[in-house]
Protein backbone atom coordinates (compact mmCIF):
# COMPACT_ATOMS: atom_id res chain seq x y z
CA MET A 1 -15.31 13.03 -0.64
CA LYS A 2 -18.13 14.67 -2.50
CA THR A 3 -17.61 17.92 -4.33
CA GLY A 4 -20.97 19.44 -3.40
CA LEU A 5 -19.57 21.83 -0.81
CA GLU A 6 -21.28 24.99 0.29
CA THR A 7 -19.49 27.99 1.78
CA ASN A 8 -20.91 30.62 4.08
CA THR A 9 -19.22 33.80 5.22
CA HIS A 10 -19.96 36.09 8.12
CA THR A 11 -18.37 39.51 7.95
CA GLU A 12 -16.93 41.72 10.67
CA VAL A 13 -16.28 39.01 13.19
CA VAL A 14 -13.32 40.70 14.80
CA GLU A 15 -12.06 44.12 13.86
CA ASP A 16 -8.77 45.50 15.08
CA ASN A 17 -7.65 49.08 15.21
CA GLY A 18 -4.13 48.54 14.03
CA GLY A 19 -2.47 48.94 10.69
CA GLU A 20 0.05 46.80 8.85
CA LEU A 21 0.30 43.09 9.50
CA ALA A 22 3.75 41.66 10.01
CA ASP A 23 4.46 38.29 8.45
CA TRP A 24 7.28 35.84 7.85
CA GLU A 25 8.96 36.52 4.53
CA GLU A 26 5.67 38.13 3.42
CA THR A 27 3.93 34.76 3.29
CA GLN A 28 3.63 33.34 6.81
CA CYS A 29 0.06 32.40 7.70
CA GLU A 30 -1.49 33.65 10.93
CA GLN A 31 -3.33 31.22 13.19
CA LEU A 32 -7.02 31.11 13.97
CA ASP A 33 -8.76 33.50 16.37
CA SER A 34 -5.78 35.86 16.86
CA LEU A 35 -5.06 39.07 15.04
CA LEU A 36 -1.68 40.72 15.02
CA GLN A 37 -1.97 44.45 15.39
CA GLU A 38 0.81 47.01 15.17
CA ARG A 39 0.76 50.28 17.07
CA ARG A 40 3.55 52.47 18.41
CA GLU A 41 4.62 49.73 20.79
CA PRO A 42 5.85 46.31 19.57
CA LEU A 43 3.42 43.98 17.90
CA CYS A 44 1.03 42.07 20.14
CA SER A 45 -1.75 39.52 19.71
CA LEU A 46 -5.46 40.02 20.28
CA GLU A 47 -7.49 37.06 21.59
CA ALA A 48 -11.27 36.83 21.17
CA THR A 49 -13.92 34.11 21.40
CA HIS A 50 -15.90 32.75 18.42
CA ASP A 51 -19.19 34.30 19.51
CA GLN A 52 -17.67 37.71 20.19
CA THR A 53 -18.58 39.51 16.98
CA GLY A 54 -18.43 43.12 15.92
CA ARG A 55 -15.90 45.86 16.50
CA ILE A 56 -13.38 45.34 19.27
CA ASP A 57 -12.87 48.24 21.63
CA LYS A 58 -9.51 50.02 21.54
CA ALA A 59 -9.00 49.24 25.20
CA TYR A 60 -9.55 45.50 24.72
CA PRO A 61 -6.81 43.53 26.57
CA THR A 62 -4.06 41.99 24.47
CA VAL A 63 -1.10 39.64 24.84
CA CYS A 64 1.83 42.01 24.62
CA GLY A 65 5.00 40.62 26.17
CA HIS A 66 7.38 40.73 23.19
CA THR A 67 9.68 43.70 22.62
CA ALA A 68 9.52 43.42 18.81
CA PRO A 69 6.91 42.44 16.20
CA VAL A 70 5.40 38.95 16.44
CA LEU A 71 5.96 36.81 13.32
CA ASP A 72 4.11 33.56 14.07
CA ILE A 73 1.72 32.10 16.64
CA GLU A 74 0.15 28.68 17.16
CA TRP A 75 -2.35 27.25 19.63
CA CYS A 76 -1.29 24.12 21.52
CA PRO A 77 -3.14 21.01 20.23
CA HIS A 78 -3.18 19.50 23.74
CA ASN A 79 -4.36 22.54 25.69
CA ASP A 80 -6.91 24.95 24.24
CA HIS A 81 -5.73 27.76 26.53
CA VAL A 82 -2.01 27.70 25.66
CA ILE A 83 -0.53 29.62 22.73
CA ALA A 84 3.07 30.03 21.59
CA SER A 85 4.52 33.00 19.71
CA GLY A 86 7.77 33.76 17.88
CA SER A 87 9.08 37.29 17.46
CA GLU A 88 11.72 39.50 15.92
CA ASP A 89 13.18 39.88 19.43
CA CYS A 90 14.68 36.37 18.89
CA THR A 91 12.55 34.78 21.62
CA VAL A 92 9.76 32.22 21.77
CA MET A 93 7.11 32.75 24.46
CA VAL A 94 4.37 30.44 25.70
CA TRP A 95 1.22 32.04 27.12
CA GLN A 96 -1.61 30.71 29.28
CA VAL A 97 -4.92 32.37 28.36
CA PRO A 98 -7.52 32.25 31.18
CA GLU A 99 -10.58 30.11 30.55
CA ILE A 100 -12.86 33.15 30.92
CA GLY A 101 -10.76 35.07 28.39
CA LEU A 102 -8.58 38.11 28.83
CA THR A 103 -9.73 40.63 31.42
CA HIS A 104 -6.49 42.60 31.48
CA PRO A 105 -3.37 42.77 29.26
CA LEU A 106 -1.23 39.65 29.48
CA THR A 107 2.44 40.66 29.73
CA GLU A 108 4.09 37.76 31.56
CA PRO A 109 4.48 34.47 29.65
CA VAL A 110 4.44 31.08 31.30
CA VAL A 111 7.89 30.43 29.86
CA ALA A 112 10.28 32.38 27.63
CA LEU A 113 12.54 30.28 25.38
CA GLU A 114 15.82 31.89 24.35
CA GLY A 115 18.20 30.17 21.93
CA HIS A 116 17.94 31.92 18.56
CA THR A 117 20.29 34.69 17.52
CA LYS A 118 17.97 36.14 14.86
CA ARG A 119 14.24 36.61 14.48
CA VAL A 120 11.97 33.58 14.95
CA GLY A 121 9.44 33.15 12.14
CA ILE A 122 8.11 29.57 12.49
CA ILE A 123 6.36 27.95 15.46
CA SER A 124 4.97 24.38 15.43
CA TRP A 125 3.75 22.15 18.26
CA HIS A 126 4.42 18.40 18.20
CA PRO A 127 1.23 16.55 17.15
CA THR A 128 1.39 13.75 19.75
CA ALA A 129 3.93 14.58 22.51
CA ARG A 130 3.13 16.89 25.37
CA ASN A 131 5.14 20.14 25.79
CA VAL A 132 7.26 19.64 22.65
CA LEU A 133 7.56 22.82 20.57
CA LEU A 134 9.57 23.51 17.41
CA SER A 135 10.92 26.90 16.40
CA ALA A 136 12.88 28.03 13.34
CA GLY A 137 14.48 31.39 12.65
CA CYS A 138 16.58 33.47 10.30
CA ASP A 139 19.70 32.04 11.92
CA ASN A 140 18.85 28.84 9.94
CA LEU A 141 18.39 26.91 13.18
CA ILE A 142 15.65 24.49 14.09
CA VAL A 143 15.26 24.16 17.86
CA ILE A 144 12.96 21.61 19.49
CA TRP A 145 12.06 22.64 23.04
CA ASN A 146 10.73 20.94 26.13
CA VAL A 147 8.32 23.64 27.25
CA GLY A 148 7.85 21.94 30.61
CA THR A 149 11.49 22.51 31.56
CA GLY A 150 12.23 25.49 29.31
CA GLU A 151 15.26 23.77 27.80
CA PRO A 152 16.07 22.70 24.22
CA LEU A 153 15.83 19.00 23.47
CA ILE A 154 17.37 19.12 19.99
CA VAL A 155 19.19 21.80 17.98
CA LEU A 156 19.57 21.28 14.21
CA ASP A 157 22.18 23.84 13.14
CA ASP A 158 23.98 22.33 10.13
CA MET A 159 21.19 21.25 7.75
CA HIS A 160 20.05 24.53 6.18
CA SER A 161 22.36 27.07 4.60
CA GLU A 162 19.64 29.68 4.01
CA VAL A 163 16.32 30.87 5.41
CA ILE A 164 13.79 28.14 6.18
CA TYR A 165 10.40 28.80 4.57
CA SER A 166 8.32 26.09 6.25
CA VAL A 167 8.58 23.18 8.68
CA CYS A 168 5.99 20.41 9.06
CA TRP A 169 5.74 17.36 11.36
CA ASN A 170 4.51 14.08 9.94
CA TYR A 171 1.40 12.35 11.32
CA ASN A 172 3.04 10.83 14.42
CA GLY A 173 5.75 13.45 14.84
CA SER A 174 8.72 11.22 14.07
CA LEU A 175 9.95 13.16 10.99
CA LEU A 176 10.18 16.73 9.73
CA CYS A 177 9.73 18.14 6.25
CA THR A 178 11.30 21.52 5.45
CA ALA A 179 11.34 23.94 2.52
CA CYS A 180 14.31 26.29 2.24
CA ARG A 181 15.41 29.27 0.17
CA ASP A 182 18.11 27.08 -1.41
CA LYS A 183 15.19 25.37 -3.31
CA CYS A 184 15.62 22.10 -1.42
CA ILE A 185 12.90 19.97 0.14
CA ARG A 186 14.32 17.90 3.00
CA VAL A 187 12.98 15.02 5.08
CA ILE A 188 14.72 15.02 8.47
CA ASN A 189 14.89 12.63 11.38
CA PRO A 190 15.29 15.21 14.17
CA ARG A 191 16.26 12.80 16.97
CA ALA A 192 18.98 11.17 14.88
CA GLY A 193 20.03 14.51 13.36
CA THR A 194 20.13 13.09 9.82
CA ILE A 195 18.59 13.98 6.46
CA LEU A 196 16.70 10.95 5.14
CA ALA A 197 15.79 12.38 1.74
CA GLU A 198 16.48 15.58 -0.18
CA ARG A 199 15.13 17.00 -3.42
CA PHE A 200 16.93 19.92 -5.07
CA LYS A 201 14.78 22.27 -7.18
CA ALA A 202 11.48 20.63 -6.51
CA HIS A 203 10.10 23.81 -8.09
CA LEU A 204 12.37 25.70 -10.45
CA GLY A 205 11.09 29.19 -9.65
CA SER A 206 12.85 31.61 -7.31
CA ARG A 207 9.77 32.44 -5.24
CA PRO A 208 9.21 30.73 -1.84
CA SER A 209 7.81 27.20 -1.67
CA ARG A 210 5.93 25.23 0.98
CA ALA A 211 5.98 21.53 1.91
CA ILE A 212 3.73 19.42 4.15
CA PHE A 213 3.32 15.75 5.00
CA THR A 214 0.17 13.83 4.13
CA LYS A 215 -1.22 11.13 6.40
CA ASP A 216 0.25 8.37 4.18
CA GLY A 217 3.76 9.81 4.41
CA LEU A 218 3.77 11.55 1.02
CA ILE A 219 4.91 15.15 0.62
CA PHE A 220 2.74 17.85 -0.90
CA THR A 221 4.54 20.99 -2.11
CA THR A 222 3.59 24.34 -3.59
CA GLY A 223 5.94 26.61 -5.51
CA PHE A 224 6.66 28.35 -8.81
CA SER A 225 7.88 27.25 -12.21
CA ARG A 226 10.69 28.89 -14.13
CA MET A 227 8.05 31.05 -15.85
CA SER A 228 6.61 32.14 -12.47
CA GLU A 229 3.53 29.94 -12.75
CA ARG A 230 2.19 28.64 -9.47
CA GLN A 231 2.50 24.87 -9.09
CA LEU A 232 1.53 22.06 -6.77
CA ALA A 233 3.24 18.69 -6.63
CA LEU A 234 2.97 15.37 -4.79
CA TRP A 235 6.15 13.45 -3.96
CA ASP A 236 7.13 10.09 -2.55
CA PRO A 237 10.14 10.65 -0.22
CA LYS A 238 11.34 7.14 -1.01
CA ASN A 239 11.75 8.17 -4.64
CA PHE A 240 12.40 11.90 -4.98
CA GLU A 241 13.47 11.75 -8.62
CA GLU A 242 10.08 12.44 -10.22
CA PRO A 243 6.86 13.79 -8.68
CA ILE A 244 3.81 11.55 -8.45
CA ALA A 245 1.71 14.49 -9.66
CA LEU A 246 2.51 17.99 -10.89
CA GLN A 247 -0.05 20.66 -11.78
CA GLU A 248 0.23 24.27 -12.87
CA LEU A 249 -2.45 26.62 -11.58
CA ASP A 250 -2.02 30.28 -12.60
CA THR A 251 0.51 33.12 -12.79
CA SER A 252 -0.29 35.01 -9.59
CA ASN A 253 2.53 36.19 -7.33
CA GLY A 254 1.08 35.09 -3.98
CA VAL A 255 2.65 32.08 -2.30
CA LEU A 256 0.17 29.22 -1.91
CA LEU A 257 -0.26 28.17 1.73
CA PRO A 258 -1.48 24.54 2.12
CA PHE A 259 -3.87 23.49 4.88
CA TYR A 260 -4.31 19.73 5.21
CA ASP A 261 -7.22 17.79 6.70
CA TYR A 262 -5.88 14.41 7.86
CA ASP A 263 -9.37 12.93 8.21
CA SER A 264 -10.60 13.54 4.66
CA ASN A 265 -7.27 13.88 2.75
CA VAL A 266 -8.40 17.27 1.47
CA ILE A 267 -5.84 20.03 0.96
CA TYR A 268 -6.94 23.67 0.89
CA LEU A 269 -4.72 26.19 -0.92
CA CYS A 270 -4.87 29.84 0.13
CA GLY A 271 -2.67 32.48 -1.44
CA LYS A 272 -1.81 35.76 0.23
CA GLY A 273 -3.42 38.50 -1.81
CA ASP A 274 -5.85 36.04 -3.44
CA SER A 275 -9.61 36.20 -3.03
CA SER A 276 -10.16 32.46 -3.48
CA ILE A 277 -9.57 29.13 -1.73
CA ARG A 278 -8.95 26.06 -3.87
CA TYR A 279 -9.32 22.58 -2.46
CA PHE A 280 -8.06 19.24 -3.71
CA GLU A 281 -8.38 15.62 -2.63
CA VAL A 282 -5.33 13.36 -2.46
CA THR A 283 -6.03 9.73 -3.41
CA ASP A 284 -4.09 6.66 -4.50
CA GLU A 285 -5.58 6.76 -8.02
CA ALA A 286 -4.39 8.84 -10.96
CA PRO A 287 -4.11 11.79 -11.22
CA TYR A 288 -3.63 11.46 -7.41
CA VAL A 289 -4.43 15.13 -6.73
CA HIS A 290 -8.05 15.77 -7.72
CA PHE A 291 -9.43 19.29 -7.97
CA LEU A 292 -12.71 19.62 -6.04
CA ASN A 293 -13.86 23.22 -6.13
CA THR A 294 -12.99 26.88 -5.53
CA PHE A 295 -14.41 29.32 -3.03
CA THR A 296 -14.28 32.91 -4.31
CA SER A 297 -14.96 36.16 -2.50
CA LYS A 298 -14.61 39.83 -3.37
CA GLU A 299 -11.87 40.90 -0.96
CA PRO A 300 -8.32 39.46 -0.94
CA GLN A 301 -6.97 37.78 2.17
CA ARG A 302 -3.94 39.02 4.09
CA GLY A 303 -3.68 35.81 6.10
CA MET A 304 -5.64 32.66 6.86
CA GLY A 305 -6.26 30.52 9.94
CA PHE A 306 -7.61 26.95 10.04
CA MET A 307 -9.94 25.61 12.72
CA PRO A 308 -9.18 22.10 14.05
CA LYS A 309 -11.87 19.47 13.58
CA ARG A 310 -12.83 19.56 17.27
CA GLY A 311 -14.08 23.12 16.85
CA LEU A 312 -16.46 22.48 13.94
CA ASP A 313 -20.26 22.28 14.12
CA VAL A 314 -20.85 18.69 13.04
CA SER A 315 -24.64 19.05 13.34
CA LYS A 316 -24.49 21.38 10.32
CA CYS A 317 -22.12 19.07 8.40
CA GLU A 318 -19.34 21.65 8.67
CA ILE A 319 -16.15 20.03 7.39
CA ALA A 320 -13.82 23.06 7.44
CA ARG A 321 -13.72 26.59 8.80
CA PHE A 322 -11.21 29.26 7.88
CA TYR A 323 -10.56 32.63 9.45
CA LYS A 324 -9.82 35.07 6.67
CA LEU A 325 -7.78 38.03 7.82
CA HIS A 326 -8.52 41.42 6.25
CA GLU A 327 -6.84 44.72 7.04
CA ARG A 328 -9.24 45.52 9.87
CA LYS A 329 -11.38 42.47 10.44
CA CYS A 330 -11.38 38.67 10.63
CA GLU A 331 -14.05 36.86 8.61
CA PRO A 332 -14.96 33.16 9.04
CA VAL A 333 -15.42 31.07 5.90
CA VAL A 334 -17.49 27.96 6.65
CA MET A 335 -17.54 24.96 4.30
CA THR A 336 -20.35 22.43 4.61
CA VAL A 337 -21.53 19.32 2.79
CA PRO A 338 -25.33 19.52 2.40
CA ARG A 339 -27.18 16.49 3.80
CA LYS A 340 -30.92 16.03 4.18
CA SER A 341 -30.66 13.75 7.18
CA ASP A 342 -30.37 15.12 10.71
CA MET A 343 -28.36 12.12 11.84
CA PHE A 344 -24.63 12.16 12.58
CA GLN A 345 -22.66 11.70 9.35
CA ASP A 346 -20.04 9.01 9.99
CA ASP A 347 -18.52 9.29 6.53
CA LEU A 348 -17.87 13.02 6.93
CA PHE A 349 -16.60 12.87 10.50
CA PRO A 350 -14.41 9.85 11.23
CA ASP A 351 -12.50 9.72 14.51
CA THR A 352 -10.09 12.64 14.71
CA ALA A 353 -7.11 13.68 16.83
CA GLY A 354 -8.18 14.69 20.33
CA PRO A 355 -6.58 16.95 22.94
CA GLU A 356 -5.02 14.09 24.90
CA PRO A 357 -1.28 13.67 24.14
CA ALA A 358 -0.05 10.19 23.29
CA MET A 359 3.25 10.54 25.18
CA GLU A 360 5.41 12.87 27.23
CA ALA A 361 8.31 14.95 25.99
CA GLU A 362 10.86 12.67 27.64
CA GLU A 363 9.39 9.58 26.01
CA TRP A 364 9.55 11.19 22.56
CA ALA A 365 13.15 12.30 23.12
CA ALA A 366 14.01 8.72 24.12
CA GLY A 367 12.90 7.47 20.70
CA GLN A 368 9.28 6.43 21.21
CA ASP A 369 6.61 7.14 18.57
CA ALA A 370 2.82 7.05 18.82
CA ASP A 371 -0.07 8.09 16.63
CA PRO A 372 -2.49 10.75 17.90
CA VAL A 373 -5.15 9.65 20.38
CA LEU A 374 -8.39 9.69 18.40
CA ILE A 375 -11.79 10.80 19.64
CA SER A 376 -15.27 10.60 18.13
CA LEU A 377 -17.07 13.80 17.20
CA ARG A 378 -20.44 12.14 17.77
CA GLU A 379 -20.52 13.31 21.39
CA GLY A 380 -20.33 16.90 20.21
CA TYR A 381 -23.26 16.42 17.85
CA MET A 382 -26.41 18.44 18.60
CA LEU A 383 -29.73 17.29 17.20
CA SER A 384 -31.90 19.85 15.44
CA ARG A 385 -35.48 20.88 16.27
CA GLY A 386 -34.77 21.10 19.96
CA ARG A 387 -34.32 17.39 20.53
CA ASP A 388 -32.50 16.30 23.64
CA ALA A 389 -29.08 14.88 22.74
CA ARG A 390 -27.77 14.35 26.28
CA GLY A 391 -27.30 10.75 27.33
CA PRO A 392 -28.94 7.65 25.87
CA ARG A 393 -32.46 8.26 24.56
CA ARG A 394 -35.31 6.01 25.72
CA ASN A 395 -37.88 4.35 23.50
CA LEU A 396 -40.98 6.30 24.45
CA LEU A 397 -43.28 3.83 22.72
CA ALA A 398 -41.90 0.94 24.74
CA ALA A 399 -42.55 2.89 27.95
CA ARG A 400 -46.31 3.28 27.30
CA PRO A 401 -48.55 1.62 29.92
CA LYS A 402 -49.84 -1.87 29.16
CA ALA A 403 -53.46 -0.72 29.42
CA LEU A 404 -52.80 1.85 26.69
CA ARG A 405 -51.45 -0.77 24.29
CA GLN A 406 -54.59 -2.87 24.81
CA HIS A 407 -56.77 0.19 24.31
CA SER A 408 -55.21 0.93 20.92
CA VAL A 409 -56.42 -2.44 19.67
CA ASN A 410 -59.74 -3.05 21.44
CA SER A 411 -61.30 0.37 22.00
CA GLN A 412 -61.45 3.90 20.68
CA GLU A 413 -62.72 5.37 23.97
CA PRO A 414 -60.10 7.30 25.96
CA LYS A 415 -59.08 5.60 29.16
CA ARG A 416 -57.43 6.71 32.35
CA ASN A 417 -53.60 6.92 32.36
CA GLU A 418 -53.57 7.50 28.58
CA PRO A 419 -50.90 9.99 27.40
CA ILE A 420 -51.69 12.76 24.95
CA ASN A 421 -52.39 11.53 21.41
CA MET A 422 -49.50 13.10 19.45
CA GLU A 423 -50.89 11.94 16.09
CA LEU A 424 -53.86 14.29 16.41
CA LEU A 425 -51.58 17.25 16.93
CA SER A 426 -49.28 16.28 14.06
CA GLN A 427 -52.16 16.22 11.55
CA GLU A 428 -53.00 19.54 9.93
CA PRO A 429 -56.76 20.34 10.38
CA GLN A 430 -58.87 20.69 7.24
CA ARG A 431 -60.35 24.16 6.80
CA ASN A 432 -63.02 25.38 4.41
CA GLY A 433 -62.57 29.10 4.65
CA ASN A 434 -63.05 29.12 8.46
CA LYS A 435 -60.41 28.86 11.10
CA ILE A 436 -60.54 25.76 13.23
CA PRO A 437 -58.86 25.89 16.64
CA PRO A 438 -56.06 23.41 17.33
CA PRO A 439 -57.26 20.00 18.54
CA VAL A 440 -57.52 19.65 22.30
CA PRO A 441 -56.07 16.55 23.96
CA PRO A 442 -58.71 14.21 25.45
CA LYS A 443 -59.61 15.02 29.01
CA SER A 444 -59.18 12.18 31.44
CA PRO A 445 -62.05 11.51 33.82
CA GLY A 446 -61.63 12.65 37.40
CA LEU A 447 -59.27 15.52 36.55
CA THR A 448 -60.69 18.91 37.54
CA SER A 449 -57.63 21.18 37.67
CA PRO A 450 -56.79 22.82 34.27
CA ALA A 451 -53.08 22.46 34.97
CA VAL A 452 -53.45 18.76 35.67
CA ALA A 453 -55.79 18.23 32.73
CA ASN A 454 -53.07 19.37 30.27
CA ALA A 455 -50.44 17.04 31.69
CA THR A 456 -49.71 13.40 30.96
CA THR A 457 -51.31 11.21 33.58
CA VAL A 458 -49.46 8.50 35.44
CA PRO A 459 -50.76 5.52 37.44
CA GLU A 460 -51.80 6.62 40.92
CA THR A 461 -50.28 4.84 43.87
CA GLU A 462 -49.91 5.75 47.49
CA ASN A 463 -47.09 8.30 48.11
CA SER A 464 -46.03 7.86 44.48
CA SER A 465 -43.70 10.38 42.83
CA PRO A 466 -42.71 10.62 39.14
CA SER A 467 -39.42 8.97 38.26
CA PRO A 468 -36.67 10.90 36.40
CA SER A 469 -37.33 8.89 33.23
CA ASP A 470 -41.05 9.85 33.28
CA THR A 471 -40.10 13.49 33.87
CA ASN A 472 -37.79 13.46 30.85
CA ALA A 473 -40.48 11.87 28.69
CA LEU A 474 -42.95 14.53 29.81
CA GLU A 475 -40.51 17.33 28.94
CA VAL A 476 -39.92 15.88 25.49
CA MET A 477 -43.66 15.61 24.81
CA GLN A 478 -44.30 19.15 26.01
CA GLN A 479 -41.59 20.47 23.70
CA GLU A 480 -43.15 18.61 20.77
CA ILE A 481 -46.58 20.05 21.66
CA LEU A 482 -45.20 23.60 21.72
CA LEU A 483 -43.53 23.13 18.35
CA LEU A 484 -46.69 21.73 16.79
CA LYS A 485 -48.82 24.54 18.19
CA LYS A 486 -46.43 27.10 16.75
CA MET A 487 -46.63 25.34 13.37
CA ILE A 488 -50.45 25.40 13.46
CA ASN A 489 -50.51 29.09 14.40
CA LYS A 490 -48.22 29.91 11.49
CA GLN A 491 -50.50 27.99 9.12
CA ASP A 492 -53.54 29.88 10.50
CA THR A 493 -51.86 33.20 9.85
CA ARG A 494 -50.85 32.19 6.36
CA ILE A 495 -54.38 30.97 5.49
CA ALA A 496 -55.89 34.23 6.74
CA ASN A 497 -53.47 36.23 4.58
CA LEU A 498 -54.26 34.11 1.52
CA GLU A 499 -57.99 34.51 2.10
CA GLU A 500 -57.61 38.29 2.26
CA GLN A 501 -55.61 38.27 -0.97
CA VAL A 502 -58.25 36.12 -2.72
CA GLN A 503 -61.01 38.42 -1.45
CA GLY A 504 -59.20 41.47 -2.76
CA LEU A 505 -58.59 39.77 -6.10
CA ASN A 506 -62.30 38.91 -6.44
CA LEU A 507 -63.31 42.52 -5.72
CA TRP A 508 -60.83 43.82 -8.28
CA THR A 509 -62.12 41.34 -10.90
CA THR A 510 -65.73 42.38 -10.26
CA LYS A 511 -64.92 46.07 -10.70
CA THR A 512 -63.00 45.57 -13.93
CA GLU A 513 -65.55 43.28 -15.69
CA PRO A 514 -67.13 45.06 -18.76
CA THR A 515 -70.90 45.49 -18.61
CA GLY A 516 -72.72 44.33 -21.77
CA SER A 517 -75.53 46.35 -23.40
CA VAL A 518 -78.94 44.81 -23.97
């Protein structure tokens, strides 16, 4: 992973009209695209599309089915229109957002999951199994639900004695990693109901900590030292005695929230109240956690959302996109790796987890495991300069008529059925102070109509009609001609402006020259 990342921000993407933002223990991170706004009624979520920018109207429809403030939300990785929410009303609700977006307030969930006795502050979908949802609350319970039936699959009620700060699935969803107020980091097998590994006081400070799995099965944690310095650490759950790497960052009070990219092994650290995003790369070489760079802005963030890889613009080499939550707006932060080539960058975008689940909820509960179903991002790649990226592209040179190929060697005289010479249009005309009109394509003999004279000719046969491949080739050539004409017109305008400036400069020089006396 190269460190030459560029970041772009676009302000005022979504603005809400609410006030304070509720969170989980003052550190829970909000998910992408949704703002939590508090009015006189209980907290609700606001859903908006990526291209819907500017101020949101006060009457904009919301998802408002909870009877108390919402503490956490998460989009389903296997259905882009399903979102789950946990609330202080002790319930978990799953919502189906219409494909066209919200046209009226959504008050009835698809399913309401009731099993917690205190507020629910953590929601997490299973990465590979369909309809498997995890919830954790202040009752120190972890409940794994089958959303399809609305019933709990697993209830872990005797593993945590205090409030759970974070819960994370591993890559294939077979294990859980939790951080708790009792300063313990635990690795749990949820189906067996056992703790496989446990580390007490992974960070000695009293402030909350966070823990996530890496793709290789290591555990990355953030926390505080005894002197309240913010720390990050990398652990091997098979040997929890000493960390593989431990780094101290600064003395800020905000809890560091880790966002992990499985494809590039890059971890982004965002602190609530900070105005910066640090990112590190995890490797198998010392010092194992390598600092890459820092993105800094003027305003602090109140929350942060992370866009999945499937939603990134790969044609612009966009490797990460965050949604930075302010008091009244949501601002995207785009991170790109500059590349000169317009081709798809395989090293930046390896196959990533797709929306297709690898198994059903019943199969996972029965003990099966499976890695995520990977997809290629190449199909979502859009070529620049208006090129057609749909379907396999033909070799236009190989499709030229045989007579044309012979003409290019034996003769310079234009022949019938010869397509437009693109090389003439691509060359910039030489000008000596006078404007020269753009070159005109050679006129084929026997063509009298102006419309036909500007088109690519095809061999004439009885009752012949152009094939779809020839039509596509013609469209591509016409687009190239339009682009080249625009380029020539811009150069004409620029030359005229430069000539005027030179003329004015010559006049000014003539007026200011001193006249000598004879």
